[in-house]
Amino acid sequence: MVRTRLAIFLLAVAFVGCSHSPTCPNPTAPIGPLTISGHLKFNYPITLPPDAQLICYAPDASGGSNYVVGNAIWNDTMWIFGTGTIDQSNNSFTITLTKAPNTISTITQTISNQCRALTMRGFGYVLLSPIAHYNTPDSSPVIVYGAVNHAAVFYSARSYTPTNWLGAFSQGLAIGEEFDTINGSDSLRPISNSGLELLIDTARSSFQLPRNWQSQDILN
């Protein structure tokens, strides 16, 4: 079943412990660059339209169920945080990211005067899509010619060492693939940023993209 519904949960600042707990600063980390590359895989022979553009796209999901890849979405170039190229002579692609997604959540928690703070941006997806289409009204359907399936790009900065899936990633920009789904959201594991597969298809049901992280569990 295609999973394209996105959800970004914003968690309010929570303090646990005495009233003199320190204020948690917002953590930062170097952003990049991050180069993602690989090859095109055609599910069947098709000719790519001339407007096909390789992008990294992280939609704002604050509107809840109204924001779905391939359905109703924020068709705005502000959610595109990188563009790349495809070479059909050898069926390859490459994209270099030098900034983080615009979507942002910051979570802080203080336990026994120990501060744990996390800044997350994303998830973002490597898509083949007509970039001009993202200047259309927000309610317009998104056109997707291809995607790096089961994978997502995100940025993280933290003041602690996570014990959950996030702990396997370095801070800054990273790419991972989904490996577990809990409560409707996906966990990621690190993958190589080269040798990836960009699936080309005309059916949106062929693309399976990870959902966003669970904010209530991310500080573990």
N, C-alpha and C. Protein backbone atom coordinates (compact mmCIF):
# COMPACT_ATOMS: atom_id res chain seq x y z
N MET A 1 0.86 -1.19 0.00
CA MET A 1 0.00 0.00 0.00
C MET A 1 0.88 1.23 0.00
N VAL A 2 0.62 2.12 -0.92
CA VAL A 2 1.46 3.32 -0.97
C VAL A 2 1.20 4.15 0.26
N ARG A 3 2.29 4.65 0.79
CA ARG A 3 2.17 5.48 1.99
C ARG A 3 2.70 6.85 1.65
N THR A 4 1.82 7.74 1.35
CA THR A 4 2.25 9.05 0.95
C THR A 4 1.80 10.15 1.88
N ARG A 5 1.02 9.77 2.87
CA ARG A 5 0.56 10.80 3.81
C ARG A 5 1.71 11.23 4.71
N LEU A 6 1.89 12.50 4.81
CA LEU A 6 2.98 13.04 5.60
C LEU A 6 2.42 13.67 6.86
N ALA A 7 3.21 13.56 7.95
CA ALA A 7 2.79 14.23 9.17
C ALA A 7 4.01 14.72 9.90
N ILE A 8 4.09 16.00 10.18
CA ILE A 8 5.17 16.55 10.99
C ILE A 8 4.55 17.04 12.29
N PHE A 9 4.98 16.43 13.38
CA PHE A 9 4.40 16.75 14.68
C PHE A 9 5.27 17.78 15.39
N LEU A 10 4.69 18.92 15.75
CA LEU A 10 5.40 19.93 16.53
C LEU A 10 5.09 19.70 18.01
N LEU A 11 6.14 19.53 18.79
CA LEU A 11 5.97 19.24 20.22
C LEU A 11 6.36 20.48 21.00
N ALA A 12 5.51 20.95 21.89
CA ALA A 12 5.81 22.12 22.70
C ALA A 12 6.93 21.81 23.67
N VAL A 13 7.62 22.86 24.08
CA VAL A 13 8.71 22.69 25.04
C VAL A 13 8.15 22.15 26.35
N ALA A 14 8.78 21.08 26.85
CA ALA A 14 8.32 20.45 28.08
C ALA A 14 9.45 20.43 29.09
N PHE A 15 9.16 20.78 30.31
CA PHE A 15 10.14 20.74 31.37
C PHE A 15 9.69 19.75 32.43
N VAL A 16 10.58 18.85 32.78
CA VAL A 16 10.30 17.84 33.78
C VAL A 16 11.31 18.01 34.90
N GLY A 17 10.88 18.17 36.14
CA GLY A 17 11.81 18.33 37.24
C GLY A 17 11.52 19.61 37.98
N CYS A 18 12.54 20.15 38.66
CA CYS A 18 12.33 21.31 39.51
C CYS A 18 12.18 22.57 38.66
N SER A 19 11.71 23.63 39.29
CA SER A 19 11.45 24.87 38.57
C SER A 19 12.73 25.59 38.18
N HIS A 20 13.88 25.15 38.68
CA HIS A 20 15.16 25.80 38.38
C HIS A 20 15.89 25.08 37.25
N SER A 21 15.20 24.25 36.47
CA SER A 21 15.83 23.53 35.37
C SER A 21 16.41 24.52 34.37
N PRO A 22 17.57 24.21 33.79
CA PRO A 22 18.18 25.14 32.84
C PRO A 22 17.38 25.20 31.56
N THR A 23 17.55 26.31 30.84
CA THR A 23 16.90 26.47 29.55
C THR A 23 17.72 25.75 28.49
N CYS A 24 17.07 24.91 27.70
CA CYS A 24 17.77 24.17 26.66
C CYS A 24 17.99 25.06 25.43
N PRO A 25 19.22 25.20 24.98
CA PRO A 25 19.45 25.97 23.75
C PRO A 25 19.06 25.15 22.53
N ASN A 26 18.75 25.82 21.44
CA ASN A 26 18.46 25.12 20.19
C ASN A 26 19.77 24.66 19.56
N PRO A 27 19.97 23.36 19.39
CA PRO A 27 21.23 22.85 18.86
C PRO A 27 21.36 23.12 17.36
N THR A 28 22.59 23.24 16.89
CA THR A 28 22.88 23.40 15.47
C THR A 28 24.00 22.45 15.09
N ALA A 29 24.10 22.17 13.80
CA ALA A 29 25.14 21.29 13.27
C ALA A 29 25.44 21.73 11.85
N PRO A 30 26.67 21.47 11.37
CA PRO A 30 26.98 21.79 9.96
C PRO A 30 25.99 21.12 9.02
N ILE A 31 25.60 21.80 7.98
CA ILE A 31 24.54 21.30 7.11
C ILE A 31 25.03 20.32 6.05
N GLY A 32 26.12 20.58 5.41
CA GLY A 32 26.49 19.71 4.29
C GLY A 32 27.83 20.13 3.70
N PRO A 33 28.03 19.92 2.42
CA PRO A 33 27.06 19.43 1.44
C PRO A 33 26.87 17.91 1.49
N LEU A 34 25.76 17.46 0.91
CA LEU A 34 25.46 16.04 0.78
C LEU A 34 25.13 15.77 -0.68
N THR A 35 25.92 14.91 -1.33
CA THR A 35 25.67 14.54 -2.72
C THR A 35 25.03 13.16 -2.77
N ILE A 36 23.91 13.08 -3.47
CA ILE A 36 23.17 11.83 -3.63
C ILE A 36 23.18 11.47 -5.11
N SER A 37 23.54 10.23 -5.41
CA SER A 37 23.67 9.84 -6.82
C SER A 37 23.27 8.38 -7.00
N GLY A 38 23.07 8.01 -8.26
CA GLY A 38 22.70 6.63 -8.56
C GLY A 38 22.27 6.50 -10.00
N HIS A 39 21.38 5.54 -10.25
CA HIS A 39 20.96 5.24 -11.61
C HIS A 39 19.43 5.26 -11.72
N LEU A 40 18.96 5.46 -12.94
CA LEU A 40 17.53 5.44 -13.21
C LEU A 40 17.08 4.00 -13.48
N LYS A 41 15.93 3.66 -12.93
CA LYS A 41 15.33 2.36 -13.22
C LYS A 41 13.93 2.59 -13.78
N PHE A 42 13.72 2.18 -15.02
CA PHE A 42 12.43 2.34 -15.66
C PHE A 42 11.60 1.07 -15.45
N ASN A 43 10.42 1.24 -14.85
CA ASN A 43 9.54 0.09 -14.69
C ASN A 43 9.09 -0.47 -16.03
N TYR A 44 9.01 0.39 -17.01
CA TYR A 44 8.74 -0.01 -18.38
C TYR A 44 9.23 1.13 -19.28
N PRO A 45 9.47 0.86 -20.54
CA PRO A 45 10.03 1.90 -21.43
C PRO A 45 9.10 3.10 -21.56
N ILE A 46 9.55 4.25 -21.12
CA ILE A 46 8.81 5.50 -21.30
C ILE A 46 9.81 6.60 -21.64
N THR A 47 9.33 7.62 -22.28
CA THR A 47 10.15 8.78 -22.61
C THR A 47 9.87 9.87 -21.58
N LEU A 48 10.91 10.33 -20.90
CA LEU A 48 10.71 11.36 -19.89
C LEU A 48 10.37 12.68 -20.56
N PRO A 49 9.39 13.40 -20.03
CA PRO A 49 9.03 14.70 -20.59
C PRO A 49 10.20 15.69 -20.45
N PRO A 50 10.28 16.68 -21.31
CA PRO A 50 11.38 17.64 -21.26
C PRO A 50 11.40 18.49 -20.00
N ASP A 51 10.26 18.57 -19.29
CA ASP A 51 10.23 19.39 -18.07
C ASP A 51 10.62 18.60 -16.82
N ALA A 52 11.05 17.35 -16.98
CA ALA A 52 11.43 16.53 -15.81
C ALA A 52 12.65 17.14 -15.13
N GLN A 53 12.53 17.45 -13.85
CA GLN A 53 13.60 18.07 -13.07
C GLN A 53 13.84 17.27 -11.80
N LEU A 54 15.09 16.99 -11.49
CA LEU A 54 15.43 16.29 -10.26
C LEU A 54 15.45 17.30 -9.12
N ILE A 55 14.66 17.03 -8.09
CA ILE A 55 14.56 17.95 -6.96
C ILE A 55 14.62 17.17 -5.65
N CYS A 56 14.95 17.88 -4.59
CA CYS A 56 14.77 17.35 -3.23
C CYS A 56 13.71 18.22 -2.58
N TYR A 57 12.67 17.59 -2.12
CA TYR A 57 11.45 18.29 -1.76
C TYR A 57 10.97 17.85 -0.38
N ALA A 58 10.76 18.80 0.50
CA ALA A 58 10.28 18.50 1.86
C ALA A 58 9.03 19.32 2.12
N PRO A 59 7.84 18.77 1.87
CA PRO A 59 6.61 19.53 2.00
C PRO A 59 6.28 19.85 3.44
N ASP A 60 5.63 20.98 3.64
CA ASP A 60 5.12 21.35 4.96
C ASP A 60 3.86 20.56 5.22
N ALA A 61 3.86 19.77 6.27
CA ALA A 61 2.69 18.94 6.57
C ALA A 61 1.87 19.50 7.73
N SER A 62 2.08 20.77 8.06
CA SER A 62 1.36 21.33 9.21
C SER A 62 -0.14 21.38 8.97
N GLY A 63 -0.55 21.24 7.70
CA GLY A 63 -1.97 21.25 7.40
C GLY A 63 -2.63 19.90 7.57
N GLY A 64 -1.87 18.91 8.05
CA GLY A 64 -2.46 17.60 8.31
C GLY A 64 -2.74 16.83 7.05
N SER A 65 -3.94 16.26 6.97
CA SER A 65 -4.25 15.34 5.89
C SER A 65 -4.39 16.02 4.53
N ASN A 66 -4.34 17.33 4.47
CA ASN A 66 -4.45 18.02 3.19
C ASN A 66 -3.15 18.00 2.41
N TYR A 67 -2.08 17.51 3.00
CA TYR A 67 -0.77 17.58 2.36
C TYR A 67 -0.28 16.17 2.08
N VAL A 68 -0.44 15.75 0.84
CA VAL A 68 -0.12 14.37 0.46
C VAL A 68 0.64 14.39 -0.85
N VAL A 69 1.79 13.72 -0.89
CA VAL A 69 2.54 13.63 -2.14
C VAL A 69 1.68 12.92 -3.17
N GLY A 70 1.52 13.54 -4.33
CA GLY A 70 0.71 12.95 -5.37
C GLY A 70 -0.77 13.30 -5.27
N ASN A 71 -1.14 14.08 -4.28
CA ASN A 71 -2.55 14.48 -4.15
C ASN A 71 -2.56 15.99 -3.92
N ALA A 72 -3.10 16.45 -2.81
CA ALA A 72 -3.07 17.87 -2.51
C ALA A 72 -1.82 18.19 -1.70
N ILE A 73 -1.09 19.21 -2.09
CA ILE A 73 0.22 19.45 -1.47
C ILE A 73 0.56 20.93 -1.62
N TRP A 74 1.50 21.38 -0.82
CA TRP A 74 1.99 22.75 -0.99
C TRP A 74 2.84 22.82 -2.24
N ASN A 75 2.26 23.21 -3.35
CA ASN A 75 3.00 23.33 -4.60
C ASN A 75 3.72 24.66 -4.62
N ASP A 76 4.80 24.75 -3.89
CA ASP A 76 5.52 26.00 -3.75
C ASP A 76 7.01 25.68 -3.77
N THR A 77 7.76 26.45 -4.53
CA THR A 77 9.19 26.18 -4.64
C THR A 77 9.94 26.40 -3.33
N MET A 78 9.31 27.01 -2.33
CA MET A 78 10.00 27.20 -1.06
C MET A 78 10.28 25.86 -0.37
N TRP A 79 9.53 24.81 -0.73
CA TRP A 79 9.74 23.51 -0.11
C TRP A 79 10.77 22.67 -0.87
N ILE A 80 11.28 23.21 -1.96
CA ILE A 80 12.35 22.55 -2.72
C ILE A 80 13.68 23.07 -2.19
N PHE A 81 14.52 22.18 -1.65
CA PHE A 81 15.78 22.62 -1.06
C PHE A 81 16.99 22.09 -1.80
N GLY A 82 16.81 21.67 -3.03
CA GLY A 82 17.93 21.24 -3.85
C GLY A 82 17.46 20.79 -5.22
N THR A 83 18.28 21.02 -6.24
CA THR A 83 17.98 20.54 -7.58
C THR A 83 19.21 19.82 -8.12
N GLY A 84 18.98 18.85 -9.00
CA GLY A 84 20.07 18.06 -9.54
C GLY A 84 19.88 17.81 -11.02
N THR A 85 20.60 16.83 -11.53
CA THR A 85 20.56 16.54 -12.96
C THR A 85 20.39 15.05 -13.19
N ILE A 86 19.83 14.73 -14.35
CA ILE A 86 19.78 13.34 -14.82
C ILE A 86 20.50 13.28 -16.17
N ASP A 87 21.12 12.16 -16.44
CA ASP A 87 21.82 11.94 -17.70
C ASP A 87 21.24 10.67 -18.33
N GLN A 88 20.39 10.85 -19.32
CA GLN A 88 19.72 9.71 -19.92
C GLN A 88 20.64 8.91 -20.84
N SER A 89 21.82 9.48 -21.16
CA SER A 89 22.74 8.72 -21.99
C SER A 89 23.30 7.52 -21.25
N ASN A 90 23.42 7.64 -19.92
CA ASN A 90 23.90 6.50 -19.13
C ASN A 90 22.95 6.19 -17.97
N ASN A 91 21.74 6.80 -18.00
CA ASN A 91 20.71 6.56 -16.98
C ASN A 91 21.23 6.80 -15.56
N SER A 92 21.84 7.94 -15.35
CA SER A 92 22.37 8.29 -14.02
C SER A 92 21.73 9.58 -13.53
N PHE A 93 21.85 9.81 -12.22
CA PHE A 93 21.38 11.06 -11.63
C PHE A 93 22.31 11.47 -10.51
N THR A 94 22.32 12.76 -10.23
CA THR A 94 23.09 13.27 -9.09
C THR A 94 22.46 14.57 -8.61
N ILE A 95 22.49 14.77 -7.31
CA ILE A 95 21.98 15.99 -6.70
C ILE A 95 22.84 16.31 -5.49
N THR A 96 23.24 17.57 -5.34
CA THR A 96 24.06 17.99 -4.21
C THR A 96 23.26 18.99 -3.38
N LEU A 97 23.10 18.69 -2.10
CA LEU A 97 22.33 19.52 -1.19
C LEU A 97 23.27 20.36 -0.34
N THR A 98 23.01 21.65 -0.29
CA THR A 98 23.84 22.56 0.49
C THR A 98 23.04 23.33 1.54
N LYS A 99 21.76 23.00 1.66
CA LYS A 99 20.94 23.62 2.70
C LYS A 99 19.94 22.60 3.21
N ALA A 100 19.39 22.89 4.38
CA ALA A 100 18.45 21.98 5.01
C ALA A 100 17.02 22.31 4.57
N PRO A 101 16.10 21.36 4.74
CA PRO A 101 14.70 21.65 4.43
C PRO A 101 14.17 22.82 5.24
N ASN A 102 13.16 23.51 4.70
CA ASN A 102 12.55 24.62 5.42
C ASN A 102 11.67 24.16 6.57
N THR A 103 11.11 22.96 6.46
CA THR A 103 10.28 22.44 7.55
C THR A 103 11.15 22.21 8.78
N ILE A 104 10.69 22.63 9.94
CA ILE A 104 11.53 22.53 11.14
C ILE A 104 10.68 22.22 12.36
N SER A 105 11.22 21.36 13.22
CA SER A 105 10.66 21.10 14.54
C SER A 105 11.80 21.10 15.55
N THR A 106 11.61 21.77 16.65
CA THR A 106 12.60 21.77 17.73
C THR A 106 11.95 21.21 18.98
N ILE A 107 12.56 20.21 19.56
CA ILE A 107 12.05 19.56 20.76
C ILE A 107 13.08 19.72 21.87
N THR A 108 12.66 20.15 23.02
CA THR A 108 13.56 20.22 24.17
C THR A 108 12.92 19.56 25.36
N GLN A 109 13.76 18.99 26.20
CA GLN A 109 13.27 18.30 27.40
C GLN A 109 14.36 18.38 28.46
N THR A 110 13.96 18.66 29.68
CA THR A 110 14.91 18.71 30.78
C THR A 110 14.51 17.67 31.83
N ILE A 111 15.41 16.76 32.11
CA ILE A 111 15.18 15.73 33.11
C ILE A 111 16.32 15.76 34.11
N SER A 112 16.00 15.94 35.37
CA SER A 112 17.01 15.99 36.44
C SER A 112 18.11 16.98 36.09
N ASN A 113 17.69 18.16 35.65
CA ASN A 113 18.60 19.25 35.29
C ASN A 113 19.51 18.93 34.11
N GLN A 114 19.22 17.85 33.39
CA GLN A 114 19.99 17.51 32.20
C GLN A 114 19.15 17.86 30.97
N CYS A 115 19.74 18.69 30.10
CA CYS A 115 19.01 19.16 28.94
C CYS A 115 19.20 18.21 27.76
N ARG A 116 18.11 17.88 27.09
CA ARG A 116 18.16 17.15 25.84
C ARG A 116 17.39 17.97 24.81
N ALA A 117 18.06 18.36 23.75
CA ALA A 117 17.44 19.21 22.75
C ALA A 117 17.70 18.64 21.36
N LEU A 118 16.72 18.75 20.49
CA LEU A 118 16.82 18.20 19.15
C LEU A 118 16.16 19.15 18.17
N THR A 119 16.84 19.43 17.07
CA THR A 119 16.26 20.16 15.94
C THR A 119 16.20 19.21 14.76
N MET A 120 15.01 19.05 14.18
CA MET A 120 14.82 18.18 13.02
C MET A 120 14.23 19.01 11.89
N ARG A 121 14.73 18.76 10.67
CA ARG A 121 14.19 19.37 9.46
C ARG A 121 13.96 18.27 8.43
N GLY A 122 12.77 18.20 7.90
CA GLY A 122 12.44 17.16 6.93
C GLY A 122 11.24 16.37 7.42
N PHE A 123 10.94 15.26 6.82
CA PHE A 123 11.66 14.52 5.80
C PHE A 123 11.55 15.19 4.43
N GLY A 124 12.60 14.97 3.60
CA GLY A 124 12.59 15.41 2.22
C GLY A 124 12.76 14.21 1.30
N TYR A 125 12.36 14.36 0.05
CA TYR A 125 12.36 13.25 -0.88
C TYR A 125 13.01 13.66 -2.20
N VAL A 126 13.79 12.74 -2.78
CA VAL A 126 14.40 12.95 -4.08
C VAL A 126 13.37 12.54 -5.13
N LEU A 127 12.88 13.52 -5.88
CA LEU A 127 11.80 13.29 -6.84
C LEU A 127 12.21 13.78 -8.23
N LEU A 128 11.60 13.18 -9.23
CA LEU A 128 11.70 13.68 -10.59
C LEU A 128 10.34 14.26 -10.92
N SER A 129 10.29 15.58 -11.10
CA SER A 129 9.02 16.28 -11.18
C SER A 129 9.20 17.56 -11.98
N PRO A 130 8.15 18.05 -12.63
CA PRO A 130 8.26 19.34 -13.33
C PRO A 130 8.31 20.49 -12.34
N ILE A 131 9.46 21.14 -12.23
CA ILE A 131 9.65 22.15 -11.19
C ILE A 131 8.71 23.33 -11.38
N ALA A 132 8.36 23.65 -12.62
CA ALA A 132 7.45 24.78 -12.86
C ALA A 132 6.08 24.52 -12.25
N HIS A 133 5.74 23.26 -12.06
CA HIS A 133 4.44 22.89 -11.51
C HIS A 133 4.29 23.37 -10.06
N TYR A 134 5.39 23.62 -9.38
CA TYR A 134 5.33 23.98 -7.97
C TYR A 134 4.96 25.44 -7.75
N ASN A 135 4.70 26.15 -8.83
CA ASN A 135 4.19 27.51 -8.71
C ASN A 135 2.69 27.57 -8.95
N THR A 136 2.04 26.40 -9.01
CA THR A 136 0.60 26.34 -9.22
C THR A 136 -0.11 26.45 -7.87
N PRO A 137 -1.44 26.62 -7.88
CA PRO A 137 -2.17 26.72 -6.60
C PRO A 137 -1.93 25.52 -5.71
N ASP A 138 -2.02 25.75 -4.40
CA ASP A 138 -1.68 24.72 -3.42
C ASP A 138 -2.52 23.45 -3.55
N SER A 139 -3.74 23.57 -4.06
CA SER A 139 -4.62 22.42 -4.11
C SER A 139 -4.43 21.57 -5.36
N SER A 140 -3.48 21.95 -6.22
CA SER A 140 -3.29 21.21 -7.46
C SER A 140 -2.57 19.89 -7.19
N PRO A 141 -2.91 18.85 -7.97
CA PRO A 141 -2.19 17.58 -7.82
C PRO A 141 -0.72 17.72 -8.21
N VAL A 142 0.14 17.07 -7.49
CA VAL A 142 1.56 17.07 -7.81
C VAL A 142 1.84 16.01 -8.86
N ILE A 143 2.70 16.34 -9.80
CA ILE A 143 3.11 15.40 -10.83
C ILE A 143 4.46 14.82 -10.44
N VAL A 144 4.55 13.52 -10.36
CA VAL A 144 5.81 12.85 -10.02
C VAL A 144 6.11 11.82 -11.10
N TYR A 145 7.27 11.98 -11.74
CA TYR A 145 7.71 11.01 -12.74
C TYR A 145 8.56 9.91 -12.14
N GLY A 146 9.22 10.22 -11.02
CA GLY A 146 10.12 9.24 -10.42
C GLY A 146 10.49 9.64 -9.00
N ALA A 147 11.04 8.69 -8.25
CA ALA A 147 11.44 8.95 -6.86
C ALA A 147 12.46 7.92 -6.42
N VAL A 148 13.32 8.31 -5.48
CA VAL A 148 14.17 7.35 -4.79
C VAL A 148 13.28 6.69 -3.74
N ASN A 149 12.83 5.49 -4.03
CA ASN A 149 11.81 4.84 -3.23
C ASN A 149 12.32 4.46 -1.83
N HIS A 150 11.42 4.51 -0.86
CA HIS A 150 11.68 4.05 0.51
C HIS A 150 12.78 4.86 1.19
N ALA A 151 13.10 6.05 0.70
CA ALA A 151 14.22 6.81 1.26
C ALA A 151 13.79 8.24 1.57
N ALA A 152 14.46 8.85 2.53
CA ALA A 152 14.17 10.22 2.91
C ALA A 152 15.45 10.93 3.34
N VAL A 153 15.48 12.22 3.10
CA VAL A 153 16.59 13.09 3.51
C VAL A 153 16.10 13.93 4.68
N PHE A 154 16.97 14.13 5.67
CA PHE A 154 16.59 14.99 6.79
C PHE A 154 17.84 15.62 7.40
N TYR A 155 17.62 16.65 8.19
CA TYR A 155 18.69 17.33 8.93
C TYR A 155 18.39 17.19 10.41
N SER A 156 19.43 16.91 11.18
CA SER A 156 19.25 16.85 12.63
C SER A 156 20.45 17.48 13.34
N ALA A 157 20.15 18.09 14.47
CA ALA A 157 21.17 18.61 15.38
C ALA A 157 20.68 18.32 16.79
N ARG A 158 21.55 17.81 17.65
CA ARG A 158 21.09 17.44 18.99
C ARG A 158 22.20 17.65 20.02
N SER A 159 21.74 17.77 21.26
CA SER A 159 22.65 18.01 22.37
C SER A 159 22.85 16.76 23.22
N TYR A 160 22.47 15.61 22.71
CA TYR A 160 22.53 14.37 23.47
C TYR A 160 22.79 13.23 22.50
N THR A 161 23.00 12.02 23.02
CA THR A 161 23.22 10.84 22.18
C THR A 161 21.95 9.99 22.17
N PRO A 162 21.24 9.94 21.04
CA PRO A 162 19.98 9.18 20.99
C PRO A 162 20.25 7.67 21.11
N THR A 163 19.30 6.97 21.70
CA THR A 163 19.38 5.51 21.78
C THR A 163 18.45 4.84 20.78
N ASN A 164 17.67 5.64 20.05
CA ASN A 164 16.75 5.07 19.05
C ASN A 164 17.42 5.12 17.68
N TRP A 165 16.64 5.00 16.61
CA TRP A 165 17.18 4.93 15.25
C TRP A 165 17.99 6.16 14.87
N LEU A 166 17.66 7.31 15.44
CA LEU A 166 18.37 8.54 15.09
C LEU A 166 19.85 8.48 15.47
N GLY A 167 20.17 7.68 16.50
CA GLY A 167 21.55 7.58 16.96
C GLY A 167 22.49 6.97 15.95
N ALA A 168 21.97 6.29 14.94
CA ALA A 168 22.82 5.69 13.91
C ALA A 168 23.27 6.70 12.87
N PHE A 169 22.73 7.92 12.91
CA PHE A 169 23.04 8.94 11.92
C PHE A 169 23.95 10.01 12.51
N SER A 170 24.86 10.52 11.69
CA SER A 170 25.63 11.68 12.06
C SER A 170 24.73 12.91 12.04
N GLN A 171 25.13 13.95 12.76
CA GLN A 171 24.35 15.18 12.73
C GLN A 171 24.54 15.88 11.39
N GLY A 172 23.62 16.76 11.07
CA GLY A 172 23.63 17.44 9.78
C GLY A 172 22.70 16.76 8.81
N LEU A 173 22.96 16.93 7.52
CA LEU A 173 22.14 16.29 6.49
C LEU A 173 22.47 14.81 6.39
N ALA A 174 21.45 14.00 6.18
CA ALA A 174 21.65 12.55 6.05
C ALA A 174 20.52 11.97 5.20
N ILE A 175 20.76 10.80 4.65
CA ILE A 175 19.73 10.08 3.92
C ILE A 175 19.61 8.68 4.52
N GLY A 176 18.37 8.21 4.63
CA GLY A 176 18.14 6.89 5.20
C GLY A 176 16.99 6.22 4.51
N GLU A 177 16.86 4.92 4.75
CA GLU A 177 15.74 4.16 4.20
C GLU A 177 14.87 3.64 5.32
N GLU A 178 13.58 3.50 5.04
CA GLU A 178 12.66 3.02 6.05
C GLU A 178 12.90 1.54 6.32
N PHE A 179 12.77 1.14 7.58
CA PHE A 179 12.91 -0.26 7.91
C PHE A 179 11.90 -0.72 8.94
N ASP A 180 11.15 0.20 9.53
CA ASP A 180 10.19 -0.20 10.54
C ASP A 180 9.12 0.87 10.62
N THR A 181 7.90 0.46 10.83
CA THR A 181 6.79 1.40 10.95
C THR A 181 6.12 1.20 12.30
N ILE A 182 6.06 2.28 13.07
CA ILE A 182 5.47 2.23 14.40
C ILE A 182 4.47 3.37 14.51
N ASN A 183 3.24 3.06 14.90
CA ASN A 183 2.20 4.06 15.10
C ASN A 183 2.04 4.97 13.88
N GLY A 184 2.19 4.40 12.69
CA GLY A 184 1.96 5.15 11.47
C GLY A 184 3.13 5.97 10.98
N SER A 185 4.27 5.90 11.66
CA SER A 185 5.45 6.63 11.23
C SER A 185 6.61 5.67 11.05
N ASP A 186 7.58 6.08 10.24
CA ASP A 186 8.67 5.20 9.88
C ASP A 186 9.97 5.54 10.60
N SER A 187 10.71 4.51 10.97
CA SER A 187 12.08 4.66 11.41
C SER A 187 12.99 4.51 10.20
N LEU A 188 14.17 5.12 10.27
CA LEU A 188 15.11 5.07 9.16
C LEU A 188 16.41 4.41 9.61
N ARG A 189 17.14 3.86 8.64
CA ARG A 189 18.49 3.38 8.89
C ARG A 189 19.41 3.97 7.82
N PRO A 190 20.67 4.18 8.16
CA PRO A 190 21.58 4.82 7.21
C PRO A 190 21.78 3.96 5.96
N ILE A 191 21.92 4.63 4.82
CA ILE A 191 22.26 3.98 3.57
C ILE A 191 23.32 4.81 2.88
N SER A 192 23.98 4.21 1.91
CA SER A 192 24.96 4.95 1.12
C SER A 192 24.26 6.04 0.32
N ASN A 193 24.91 7.17 0.17
CA ASN A 193 24.33 8.24 -0.63
C ASN A 193 24.69 8.11 -2.12
N SER A 194 25.35 7.02 -2.49
CA SER A 194 25.65 6.75 -3.89
C SER A 194 25.13 5.36 -4.26
N GLY A 195 24.99 5.13 -5.55
CA GLY A 195 24.49 3.83 -6.01
C GLY A 195 23.02 3.62 -5.74
N LEU A 196 22.26 4.70 -5.56
CA LEU A 196 20.84 4.59 -5.28
C LEU A 196 20.04 4.43 -6.57
N GLU A 197 18.79 4.06 -6.42
CA GLU A 197 17.92 3.79 -7.55
C GLU A 197 16.79 4.81 -7.60
N LEU A 198 16.69 5.50 -8.72
CA LEU A 198 15.59 6.43 -8.94
C LEU A 198 14.57 5.73 -9.83
N LEU A 199 13.45 5.32 -9.23
CA LEU A 199 12.43 4.57 -9.94
C LEU A 199 11.62 5.50 -10.82
N ILE A 200 11.47 5.15 -12.09
CA ILE A 200 10.68 5.93 -13.04
C ILE A 200 9.40 5.17 -13.35
N ASP A 201 8.27 5.84 -13.15
CA ASP A 201 6.98 5.20 -13.39
C ASP A 201 5.94 6.31 -13.56
N THR A 202 4.83 5.98 -14.17
CA THR A 202 3.74 6.94 -14.32
C THR A 202 2.63 6.73 -13.31
N ALA A 203 2.73 5.68 -12.52
CA ALA A 203 1.71 5.38 -11.50
C ALA A 203 2.21 5.82 -10.13
N ARG A 204 1.46 6.71 -9.47
CA ARG A 204 1.87 7.18 -8.16
C ARG A 204 1.95 6.05 -7.14
N SER A 205 1.16 5.01 -7.35
CA SER A 205 1.15 3.89 -6.40
C SER A 205 2.48 3.15 -6.39
N SER A 206 3.34 3.40 -7.37
CA SER A 206 4.65 2.73 -7.40
C SER A 206 5.64 3.35 -6.42
N PHE A 207 5.35 4.56 -5.94
CA PHE A 207 6.29 5.27 -5.08
C PHE A 207 5.88 5.13 -3.62
N GLN A 208 6.78 4.64 -2.81
CA GLN A 208 6.54 4.48 -1.38
C GLN A 208 7.57 5.30 -0.63
N LEU A 209 7.11 6.33 0.05
CA LEU A 209 7.99 7.27 0.74
C LEU A 209 7.78 7.17 2.24
N PRO A 210 8.86 7.21 3.02
CA PRO A 210 8.72 7.12 4.48
C PRO A 210 7.87 8.25 5.03
N ARG A 211 7.14 7.94 6.08
CA ARG A 211 6.41 8.97 6.79
C ARG A 211 7.35 9.63 7.79
N ASN A 212 6.86 10.70 8.39
CA ASN A 212 7.74 11.43 9.30
C ASN A 212 7.86 10.77 10.66
N TRP A 213 8.89 11.19 11.36
CA TRP A 213 9.25 10.62 12.64
C TRP A 213 8.18 10.92 13.70
N GLN A 214 8.17 10.08 14.73
CA GLN A 214 7.25 10.27 15.86
C GLN A 214 7.90 11.20 16.87
N SER A 215 7.34 12.38 17.04
CA SER A 215 7.95 13.37 17.94
C SER A 215 7.99 12.90 19.38
N GLN A 216 7.00 12.12 19.82
CA GLN A 216 6.98 11.73 21.22
C GLN A 216 8.03 10.67 21.55
N ASP A 217 8.60 10.03 20.52
CA ASP A 217 9.59 8.99 20.76
C ASP A 217 11.01 9.41 20.39
N ILE A 218 11.16 10.53 19.71
CA ILE A 218 12.43 10.88 19.10
C ILE A 218 13.50 11.23 20.13
N LEU A 219 13.12 11.64 21.33
CA LEU A 219 14.11 12.02 22.33
C LEU A 219 14.69 10.83 23.08
N ASN A 220 14.29 9.63 22.75
CA ASN A 220 14.83 8.44 23.41
C ASN A 220 16.29 8.22 23.06
